[in-house]
Amino acid sequence: NVWNVLDLLVLQLLLGSLLLSWTIVPLGLMSPKWTNIAHALNLLPCYLRLLQIFELSEYFGTLLFTVFGMAQDTFHFLVLLGIISLGFSCALTPIFYPSVDARWEHGVSWGFWAIFGDVDLENIDKDLTWERHMIIGFLKYMLALTSNVLLVNLLIAMLNDTYIANKDASKREWAFNRVDAVLEFSSAEAHILPPPLDILVSLRSLIGTSAAVSRCNAEKYCIIERVVPVSAHEVEVYFEVVGAEFSIMVMEQSTLSWEGGGLPPDEVVLKEGVSNRGKIVFTDVPLTKALHFTFGQKELGYESVPIHLSEDTWRRPLNALERRQIKLLQQQVLNDERESKVEDKHEVIKSDFEQKLTQCTEEMTRLSQQVAELVVEQRSSAKRRDDCEADNAKFLRAEVERLQAHLDAVGNSTGGRTAND
């Protein structure tokens, strides 16, 4: 853990500075300014240690993950910058300063500051030939071009790629770090006091604690040798029974309890060739809570004792099978994330399609209403036109009849006058 290494560095600098100021400085073998410098340098990791608090924040946690990735790119960039700057410095220093004293005075580290433009090359030897001036001008141009243009833009491109690559993975890493922090602080083995106030508890952990013993009396008791976590919710309790005869049935009546719950063992395995030693397997155990073990049933009279997970089992190196399983789990997480992204993309496409389909349906409904209105209007227009034509035809027939009657009347009157004549 990086934070544990940082804590170790802070404590070493602090204890070393205090030890020197109490022993060597009073004897006059060291100036007090060196201890002051050590205390001043110790402030930097102390302030960096505060960044762990920001890991719990989603915004700052993802940002810190990206910053750490960029710091790795910057370290690789500094290696490349050091090689190029040292090469130009070693090539230009003998030309700038022909005398040995001037070379020792200026050294070759000035080329590292060329990328920041903090280089003073005015106080060089003026009695240089034109050939040297040409070489100096060419090398100065190449140094400025390489450091200020090529390397700076390379660094910007590297940081940009790192930011884009870590943007999606940073939230997943922050979630894992937050879960680790919650499990660390909620663990039953976590110290109540923060360092360095928990020095007594830490010394006790380093020295080791005696094994838990579930006693019936002074002659009959069960020693808990180890408590090994097999998985996230499974533990194996290794035991040794002294002064009592027992059977598998008695062991199967043992209990592992915690605040708000408890359970019997799932499996009891005796050590081969030994009748009083073995292991009890418990599953579905909340490892973040304080655990208590009771040997056998309550009628036997064995007391309930607190047990702790064996710390060495957490720090053992992973074997090939476990590393393969972790790699497969990581790959599964990445695949699930890709599938979730694909599903989200499909959901977006589906939602967009449904929205467009709804718009098309609404538009078709509106057009259907307009067509129905046009049909009704056309029918009413046709009816009005038919009525108008019928009225016109009726009017024309009436006019024709009226004219016909008038003509008949005129014809009759004309025929009567002719007959009289």
Protein backbone atom coordinates (compact mmCIF):
# COMPACT_ATOMS: atom_id res chain seq x y z
CA ASN A 1 0.00 0.00 0.00
CA VAL A 2 1.42 3.38 -1.03
CA TRP A 3 -0.03 5.11 2.03
CA ASN A 4 1.67 2.65 4.38
CA VAL A 5 5.00 3.35 2.68
CA LEU A 6 4.36 7.07 3.06
CA ASP A 7 3.53 6.61 6.76
CA LEU A 8 6.73 4.63 7.23
CA LEU A 9 8.75 7.41 5.56
CA VAL A 10 7.15 10.10 7.75
CA LEU A 11 7.79 8.16 10.95
CA GLN A 12 11.38 7.34 9.99
CA LEU A 13 12.18 10.98 9.21
CA LEU A 14 10.51 12.15 12.41
CA LEU A 15 12.21 9.60 14.69
CA GLY A 16 15.56 10.07 12.95
CA SER A 17 15.40 13.85 13.31
CA LEU A 18 14.42 13.62 16.97
CA LEU A 19 17.16 11.08 17.68
CA LEU A 20 19.81 13.26 16.03
CA SER A 21 18.63 16.42 17.81
CA TRP A 22 18.74 14.63 21.20
CA THR A 23 22.06 12.82 20.80
CA ILE A 24 24.45 14.12 18.13
CA VAL A 25 23.51 17.82 18.00
CA PRO A 26 24.14 18.46 21.74
CA LEU A 27 27.63 16.98 21.32
CA GLY A 28 28.44 19.49 18.61
CA LEU A 29 28.98 16.83 15.94
CA MET A 30 26.17 18.18 13.73
CA SER A 31 24.67 21.59 13.11
CA PRO A 32 21.03 22.05 14.22
CA LYS A 33 20.16 23.34 10.76
CA TRP A 34 20.31 19.79 9.37
CA THR A 35 17.63 18.57 11.78
CA ASN A 36 15.55 21.63 10.89
CA ILE A 37 15.96 20.74 7.22
CA ALA A 38 14.85 17.16 7.97
CA HIS A 39 11.75 18.40 9.80
CA ALA A 40 10.99 20.77 6.93
CA LEU A 41 11.32 17.97 4.36
CA ASN A 42 9.07 15.80 6.51
CA LEU A 43 6.23 18.28 6.01
CA LEU A 44 5.90 17.32 2.34
CA PRO A 45 4.90 13.64 2.88
CA CYS A 46 2.70 14.74 5.79
CA TYR A 47 0.66 16.97 3.49
CA LEU A 48 0.66 14.31 0.75
CA ARG A 49 -0.79 11.93 3.31
CA LEU A 50 -3.96 14.05 3.38
CA LEU A 51 -4.71 12.96 -0.19
CA GLN A 52 -6.01 9.63 1.10
CA ILE A 53 -8.99 11.48 2.57
CA PHE A 54 -9.83 12.83 -0.88
CA GLU A 55 -9.88 9.28 -2.28
CA LEU A 56 -13.29 8.80 -0.67
CA SER A 57 -14.73 11.64 -2.78
CA GLU A 58 -15.93 10.57 -6.21
CA TYR A 59 -14.70 13.76 -7.90
CA PHE A 60 -11.30 14.03 -6.22
CA GLY A 61 -10.80 10.25 -6.12
CA THR A 62 -11.12 9.89 -9.91
CA LEU A 63 -9.00 13.01 -10.37
CA LEU A 64 -6.22 11.64 -8.12
CA PHE A 65 -6.16 8.38 -10.08
CA THR A 66 -5.64 10.37 -13.28
CA VAL A 67 -2.93 12.50 -11.64
CA PHE A 68 -1.04 9.40 -10.50
CA GLY A 69 -1.16 8.05 -14.05
CA MET A 70 0.16 11.35 -15.39
CA ALA A 71 2.96 11.29 -12.80
CA GLN A 72 4.19 8.00 -14.26
CA ASP A 73 4.22 9.51 -17.74
CA THR A 74 6.10 12.53 -16.40
CA PHE A 75 8.75 10.27 -14.85
CA HIS A 76 9.31 8.54 -18.19
CA PHE A 77 9.47 11.94 -19.86
CA LEU A 78 12.10 13.16 -17.37
CA VAL A 79 14.30 10.18 -18.20
CA LEU A 80 14.20 11.09 -21.89
CA LEU A 81 14.70 14.78 -21.08
CA GLY A 82 17.72 13.99 -18.87
CA ILE A 83 19.45 12.00 -21.60
CA ILE A 84 18.95 14.68 -24.26
CA SER A 85 19.76 17.62 -21.94
CA LEU A 86 22.88 15.94 -20.60
CA GLY A 87 24.07 15.21 -24.13
CA PHE A 88 23.70 18.83 -25.24
CA SER A 89 25.23 20.11 -21.99
CA CYS A 90 28.29 17.91 -22.34
CA ALA A 91 28.68 18.98 -25.98
CA LEU A 92 28.23 22.73 -25.42
CA THR A 93 30.09 23.24 -22.12
CA PRO A 94 33.61 22.66 -23.52
CA ILE A 95 32.83 24.99 -26.43
CA PHE A 96 31.30 27.73 -24.25
CA TYR A 97 33.99 27.61 -21.57
CA PRO A 98 37.40 26.54 -22.87
CA SER A 99 39.03 27.02 -19.44
CA VAL A 100 38.82 24.22 -16.87
CA ASP A 101 37.89 26.55 -14.00
CA ALA A 102 34.90 27.95 -15.92
CA ARG A 103 33.71 24.43 -16.72
CA TRP A 104 33.85 23.40 -13.06
CA GLU A 105 32.04 26.62 -12.11
CA HIS A 106 29.11 26.19 -14.49
CA GLY A 107 28.99 22.38 -14.69
CA VAL A 108 26.72 20.49 -17.08
CA SER A 109 23.38 20.72 -15.25
CA TRP A 110 22.37 23.98 -16.94
CA GLY A 111 20.97 22.03 -19.92
CA PHE A 112 18.13 20.65 -17.75
CA TRP A 113 16.77 24.18 -17.28
CA ALA A 114 16.77 24.93 -21.01
CA ILE A 115 13.21 23.59 -21.29
CA PHE A 116 12.07 26.38 -18.91
CA GLY A 117 14.17 29.04 -20.65
CA ASP A 118 16.21 29.60 -17.47
CA VAL A 119 19.63 29.49 -19.14
CA ASP A 120 22.15 32.35 -19.09
CA LEU A 121 24.63 31.91 -21.93
CA GLU A 122 25.70 35.52 -22.19
CA ASN A 123 28.80 35.24 -20.03
CA ILE A 124 30.70 33.03 -22.42
CA ASP A 125 34.13 33.53 -23.80
CA LYS A 126 34.03 36.32 -26.39
CA ASP A 127 37.29 35.31 -28.07
CA LEU A 128 35.75 32.49 -30.07
CA THR A 129 36.39 31.80 -33.72
CA TRP A 130 33.63 31.99 -36.25
CA GLU A 131 33.66 28.21 -36.61
CA ARG A 132 32.87 27.87 -32.89
CA HIS A 133 30.14 30.50 -33.18
CA MET A 134 28.53 28.52 -35.98
CA ILE A 135 28.69 25.28 -34.01
CA ILE A 136 27.34 27.01 -30.89
CA GLY A 137 24.48 28.61 -32.80
CA PHE A 138 23.50 25.31 -34.41
CA LEU A 139 23.62 23.37 -31.13
CA LYS A 140 21.71 26.12 -29.28
CA TYR A 141 19.02 26.02 -31.97
CA MET A 142 18.79 22.22 -31.82
CA LEU A 143 18.62 22.31 -28.01
CA ALA A 144 15.79 24.85 -28.04
CA LEU A 145 13.96 23.00 -30.81
CA THR A 146 14.28 19.62 -29.10
CA SER A 147 13.49 20.68 -25.53
CA ASN A 148 10.98 23.52 -25.99
CA VAL A 149 9.11 22.23 -29.05
CA LEU A 150 9.53 18.49 -29.48
CA LEU A 151 9.71 17.29 -25.86
CA VAL A 152 7.12 19.72 -24.49
CA ASN A 153 4.56 18.74 -27.13
CA LEU A 154 5.42 15.10 -26.55
CA LEU A 155 4.68 15.53 -22.84
CA ILE A 156 1.36 17.25 -23.59
CA ALA A 157 0.36 14.43 -25.99
CA MET A 158 1.31 11.76 -23.43
CA LEU A 159 -0.67 13.45 -20.67
CA ASN A 160 -3.67 13.87 -22.96
CA ASP A 161 -3.62 10.17 -23.91
CA THR A 162 -3.30 9.19 -20.24
CA TYR A 163 -6.23 11.41 -19.28
CA ILE A 164 -8.45 9.92 -21.99
CA ALA A 165 -7.39 6.35 -21.13
CA ASN A 166 -7.93 6.82 -17.39
CA LYS A 167 -11.18 8.76 -17.70
CA ASP A 168 -13.35 5.65 -17.99
CA ALA A 169 -11.29 3.40 -15.69
CA SER A 170 -10.83 6.01 -12.95
CA LYS A 171 -14.39 5.66 -11.62
CA ARG A 172 -14.02 1.89 -11.35
CA GLU A 173 -10.68 2.25 -9.54
CA TRP A 174 -12.20 4.83 -7.21
CA ALA A 175 -15.03 2.43 -6.38
CA PHE A 176 -12.54 -0.35 -5.53
CA ASN A 177 -10.45 2.02 -3.38
CA ARG A 178 -13.53 3.18 -1.52
CA VAL A 179 -14.60 -0.40 -0.83
CA ASP A 180 -11.08 -1.16 0.47
CA ALA A 181 -11.23 1.87 2.76
CA VAL A 182 -14.66 0.88 4.09
CA LEU A 183 -13.51 -2.69 4.74
CA GLU A 184 -10.33 -1.44 6.41
CA PHE A 185 -12.10 0.88 8.82
CA SER A 186 -15.03 -1.47 9.47
CA SER A 187 -12.83 -4.48 10.15
CA ALA A 188 -13.02 -5.91 13.63
CA GLU A 189 -9.21 -5.95 13.74
CA ALA A 190 -8.85 -2.23 12.99
CA HIS A 191 -7.25 -0.23 15.80
CA ILE A 192 -9.47 2.13 17.74
CA LEU A 193 -6.83 4.90 17.91
CA PRO A 194 -5.02 6.32 14.87
CA PRO A 195 -1.21 6.16 14.60
CA PRO A 196 0.98 7.01 16.43
CA LEU A 197 -1.45 6.81 19.39
CA ASP A 198 -1.94 3.08 18.78
CA ILE A 199 1.72 2.23 19.33
CA LEU A 200 0.93 -0.13 22.21
CA VAL A 201 -1.64 -2.01 20.14
CA SER A 202 0.80 -2.16 17.23
CA LEU A 203 3.57 -3.53 19.45
CA ARG A 204 1.17 -6.16 20.73
CA SER A 205 0.32 -7.13 17.16
CA LEU A 206 4.02 -7.39 16.29
CA ILE A 207 4.85 -9.49 19.34
CA GLY A 208 1.80 -11.66 18.79
CA THR A 209 -1.13 -12.67 20.96
CA SER A 210 -1.76 -15.94 22.72
CA ALA A 211 -4.10 -18.43 21.14
CA ALA A 212 -7.78 -18.27 22.07
CA VAL A 213 -8.90 -21.03 24.44
CA SER A 214 -12.48 -22.20 24.93
CA ARG A 215 -12.38 -23.70 28.44
CA CYS A 216 -14.67 -26.09 30.22
CA ASN A 217 -12.42 -26.33 33.29
CA ALA A 218 -8.71 -26.41 34.09
CA GLU A 219 -8.28 -29.85 32.54
CA LYS A 220 -10.68 -29.70 29.61
CA TYR A 221 -10.31 -26.96 27.00
CA CYS A 222 -10.10 -26.33 23.24
CA ILE A 223 -7.21 -24.31 21.80
CA ILE A 224 -7.92 -22.24 18.67
CA GLU A 225 -4.66 -22.44 16.72
CA ARG A 226 -5.56 -20.44 13.61
CA VAL A 227 -8.53 -18.79 11.92
CA VAL A 228 -7.93 -18.79 8.18
CA PRO A 229 -10.23 -16.82 5.79
CA VAL A 230 -10.72 -19.01 2.73
CA SER A 231 -12.95 -16.62 0.80
CA ALA A 232 -14.93 -13.44 1.34
CA HIS A 233 -17.46 -15.24 3.61
CA GLU A 234 -15.79 -18.53 4.57
CA VAL A 235 -13.31 -19.31 7.37
CA GLU A 236 -11.52 -22.40 8.63
CA VAL A 237 -10.99 -22.70 12.41
CA TYR A 238 -8.04 -24.97 13.31
CA PHE A 239 -8.36 -26.45 16.83
CA GLU A 240 -6.79 -28.81 19.33
CA VAL A 241 -8.82 -30.41 22.13
CA VAL A 242 -7.04 -31.19 25.44
CA GLY A 243 -8.24 -33.41 28.29
CA ALA A 244 -11.54 -34.56 26.81
CA GLU A 245 -12.86 -37.23 24.53
CA PHE A 246 -15.07 -36.00 21.73
CA SER A 247 -16.69 -37.10 18.52
CA ILE A 248 -17.56 -35.56 15.18
CA MET A 249 -21.09 -35.06 16.44
CA VAL A 250 -19.81 -32.93 19.34
CA MET A 251 -17.73 -30.80 16.95
CA GLU A 252 -20.70 -30.34 14.65
CA GLN A 253 -22.55 -28.70 17.56
CA SER A 254 -19.91 -25.95 17.90
CA THR A 255 -21.01 -22.43 16.98
CA LEU A 256 -19.47 -19.32 15.51
CA SER A 257 -21.38 -16.21 16.60
CA TRP A 258 -21.25 -12.46 16.11
CA GLU A 259 -23.41 -9.50 17.01
CA GLY A 260 -26.88 -10.22 15.73
CA GLY A 261 -26.29 -13.77 14.48
CA GLY A 262 -24.51 -17.13 14.59
CA LEU A 263 -24.30 -20.43 12.74
CA PRO A 264 -23.16 -24.06 13.11
CA PRO A 265 -20.25 -25.52 11.12
CA ASP A 266 -20.68 -26.75 7.58
CA GLU A 267 -17.89 -29.30 7.74
CA VAL A 268 -15.57 -30.87 10.34
CA VAL A 269 -12.28 -32.42 9.18
CA LEU A 270 -9.95 -34.26 11.62
CA LYS A 271 -6.23 -34.28 11.02
CA GLU A 272 -5.03 -37.59 9.62
CA GLY A 273 -3.52 -39.81 12.29
CA VAL A 274 -4.53 -37.47 15.14
CA SER A 275 -7.77 -37.75 17.07
CA ASN A 276 -7.80 -34.38 18.88
CA ARG A 277 -6.85 -31.92 16.12
CA GLY A 278 -8.56 -30.74 12.97
CA LYS A 279 -10.45 -27.89 11.38
CA ILE A 280 -14.02 -26.61 11.30
CA VAL A 281 -15.34 -24.87 8.18
CA PHE A 282 -17.90 -22.07 8.51
CA THR A 283 -19.57 -20.36 5.52
CA ASP A 284 -21.65 -17.18 5.21
CA VAL A 285 -19.55 -15.46 7.88
CA PRO A 286 -19.42 -11.61 8.05
CA LEU A 287 -15.65 -11.15 8.36
CA THR A 288 -16.00 -7.45 9.19
CA LYS A 289 -17.63 -8.20 12.56
CA ALA A 290 -16.13 -9.46 15.84
CA LEU A 291 -16.36 -13.28 15.94
CA HIS A 292 -16.82 -15.60 18.96
CA PHE A 293 -16.28 -19.36 18.98
CA THR A 294 -17.88 -21.91 21.30
CA PHE A 295 -16.67 -25.51 21.35
CA GLY A 296 -19.43 -28.12 21.36
CA GLN A 297 -22.92 -27.60 22.64
CA LYS A 298 -23.79 -25.35 25.55
CA GLU A 299 -24.50 -28.33 27.86
CA LEU A 300 -20.82 -29.29 27.78
CA GLY A 301 -19.92 -26.05 29.56
CA TYR A 302 -17.28 -24.66 27.19
CA GLU A 303 -17.12 -20.86 27.23
CA SER A 304 -17.40 -18.58 24.22
CA VAL A 305 -14.10 -16.88 23.32
CA PRO A 306 -13.32 -14.10 20.82
CA ILE A 307 -11.23 -15.17 17.83
CA HIS A 308 -9.30 -13.11 15.27
CA LEU A 309 -8.34 -13.80 11.71
CA SER A 310 -4.74 -14.89 11.31
CA GLU A 311 -3.00 -11.87 9.76
CA ASP A 312 -0.31 -13.89 7.99
CA THR A 313 -2.96 -15.47 5.77
CA TRP A 314 -3.80 -12.05 4.30
CA ARG A 315 -0.18 -11.28 3.41
CA ARG A 316 0.82 -14.57 1.85
CA PRO A 317 1.82 -14.36 -1.86
CA LEU A 318 -0.77 -15.37 -4.41
CA ASN A 319 -0.26 -18.63 -6.21
CA ALA A 320 -0.66 -19.10 -9.94
CA LEU A 321 -4.26 -20.30 -9.66
CA GLU A 322 -5.29 -17.29 -7.55
CA ARG A 323 -3.55 -14.87 -9.91
CA ARG A 324 -5.33 -16.51 -12.84
CA GLN A 325 -8.67 -16.24 -11.03
CA ILE A 326 -8.05 -12.56 -10.25
CA LYS A 327 -7.13 -11.93 -13.86
CA LEU A 328 -10.29 -13.68 -15.03
CA LEU A 329 -12.33 -11.66 -12.54
CA GLN A 330 -10.79 -8.42 -13.78
CA GLN A 331 -11.48 -9.47 -17.36
CA GLN A 332 -15.06 -10.29 -16.39
CA VAL A 333 -15.46 -6.84 -14.81
CA LEU A 334 -14.13 -5.21 -17.98
CA ASN A 335 -16.41 -7.35 -20.17
CA ASP A 336 -19.40 -6.51 -17.98
CA GLU A 337 -18.54 -2.83 -18.28
CA ARG A 338 -18.28 -3.14 -22.08
CA GLU A 339 -21.59 -5.02 -22.19
CA SER A 340 -23.19 -2.37 -20.00
CA LYS A 341 -21.88 0.30 -22.34
CA VAL A 342 -23.26 -1.62 -25.34
CA GLU A 343 -26.58 -2.07 -23.55
CA ASP A 344 -26.66 1.62 -22.70
CA LYS A 345 -25.93 2.43 -26.33
CA HIS A 346 -28.70 0.08 -27.44
CA GLU A 347 -31.04 1.67 -24.91
CA VAL A 348 -30.20 5.10 -26.30
CA ILE A 349 -30.80 3.90 -29.87
CA LYS A 350 -34.04 2.21 -28.82
CA SER A 351 -35.21 5.31 -26.97
CA ASP A 352 -34.34 7.49 -29.95
CA PHE A 353 -36.19 5.10 -32.28
CA GLU A 354 -39.24 5.04 -29.99
CA GLN A 355 -39.21 8.82 -29.83
CA LYS A 356 -39.03 9.10 -33.63
CA LEU A 357 -41.72 6.43 -33.98
CA THR A 358 -43.97 8.39 -31.62
CA GLN A 359 -43.38 11.53 -33.64
CA CYS A 360 -44.20 9.67 -36.86
CA THR A 361 -47.35 8.22 -35.31
CA GLU A 362 -48.46 11.66 -34.14
CA GLU A 363 -47.72 13.09 -37.59
CA MET A 364 -49.69 10.29 -39.29
CA THR A 365 -52.62 10.90 -36.91
CA ARG A 366 -52.53 14.59 -37.69
CA LEU A 367 -52.43 13.90 -41.44
CA SER A 368 -55.32 11.42 -41.12
CA GLN A 369 -57.37 14.05 -39.34
CA GLN A 370 -56.57 16.56 -42.05
CA VAL A 371 -57.52 14.06 -44.77
CA ALA A 372 -60.80 13.30 -42.96
CA GLU A 373 -61.53 17.01 -42.69
CA LEU A 374 -60.74 17.46 -46.38
CA VAL A 375 -63.00 14.54 -47.30
CA VAL A 376 -65.84 15.97 -45.20
CA GLU A 377 -65.28 19.40 -46.68
CA GLN A 378 -65.15 17.95 -50.19
CA ARG A 379 -68.36 16.04 -49.61
CA SER A 380 -70.09 19.12 -48.25
CA SER A 381 -68.82 21.14 -51.22
CA ALA A 382 -70.06 18.48 -53.63
CA LYS A 383 -73.45 18.47 -51.89
CA ARG A 384 -73.65 22.23 -52.08
CA ARG A 385 -72.65 22.11 -55.72
CA ASP A 386 -75.30 19.46 -56.46
CA ASP A 387 -77.93 21.49 -54.64
CA CYS A 388 -76.89 24.57 -56.54
CA GLU A 389 -77.04 22.72 -59.88
CA ALA A 390 -80.45 21.29 -58.94
CA ASP A 391 -81.73 24.76 -58.10
CA ASN A 392 -80.33 26.10 -61.36
CA ALA A 393 -81.92 23.25 -63.34
CA LYS A 394 -85.24 23.80 -61.58
CA PHE A 395 -85.00 27.53 -62.27
CA LEU A 396 -84.17 26.89 -65.92
CA ARG A 397 -87.09 24.47 -66.30
CA ALA A 398 -89.41 27.01 -64.75
CA GLU A 399 -88.11 29.69 -67.12
CA VAL A 400 -88.44 27.34 -70.07
CA GLU A 401 -92.03 26.50 -69.04
CA ARG A 402 -92.80 30.17 -68.55
CA LEU A 403 -91.39 31.04 -71.96
CA GLN A 404 -93.22 28.13 -73.51
CA ALA A 405 -96.47 29.30 -71.95
CA HIS A 406 -95.78 32.82 -73.14
CA LEU A 407 -95.08 31.60 -76.65
CA ASP A 408 -98.23 29.53 -76.58
CA ALA A 409 -100.22 32.53 -75.45
CA VAL A 410 -98.68 34.70 -78.16
CA GLY A 411 -99.38 32.00 -80.77
CA ASN A 412 -103.01 31.71 -79.68
CA SER A 413 -103.58 35.42 -79.81
CA THR A 414 -102.00 35.66 -83.27
CA GLY A 415 -104.14 32.74 -84.61
CA GLY A 416 -107.38 34.36 -83.31
CA ARG A 417 -106.68 37.71 -85.05
CA THR A 418 -105.94 35.85 -88.30
CA ALA A 419 -109.23 34.00 -88.11
CA ASN A 420 -111.15 37.22 -87.56
CA ASP A 421 -109.47 38.81 -90.53
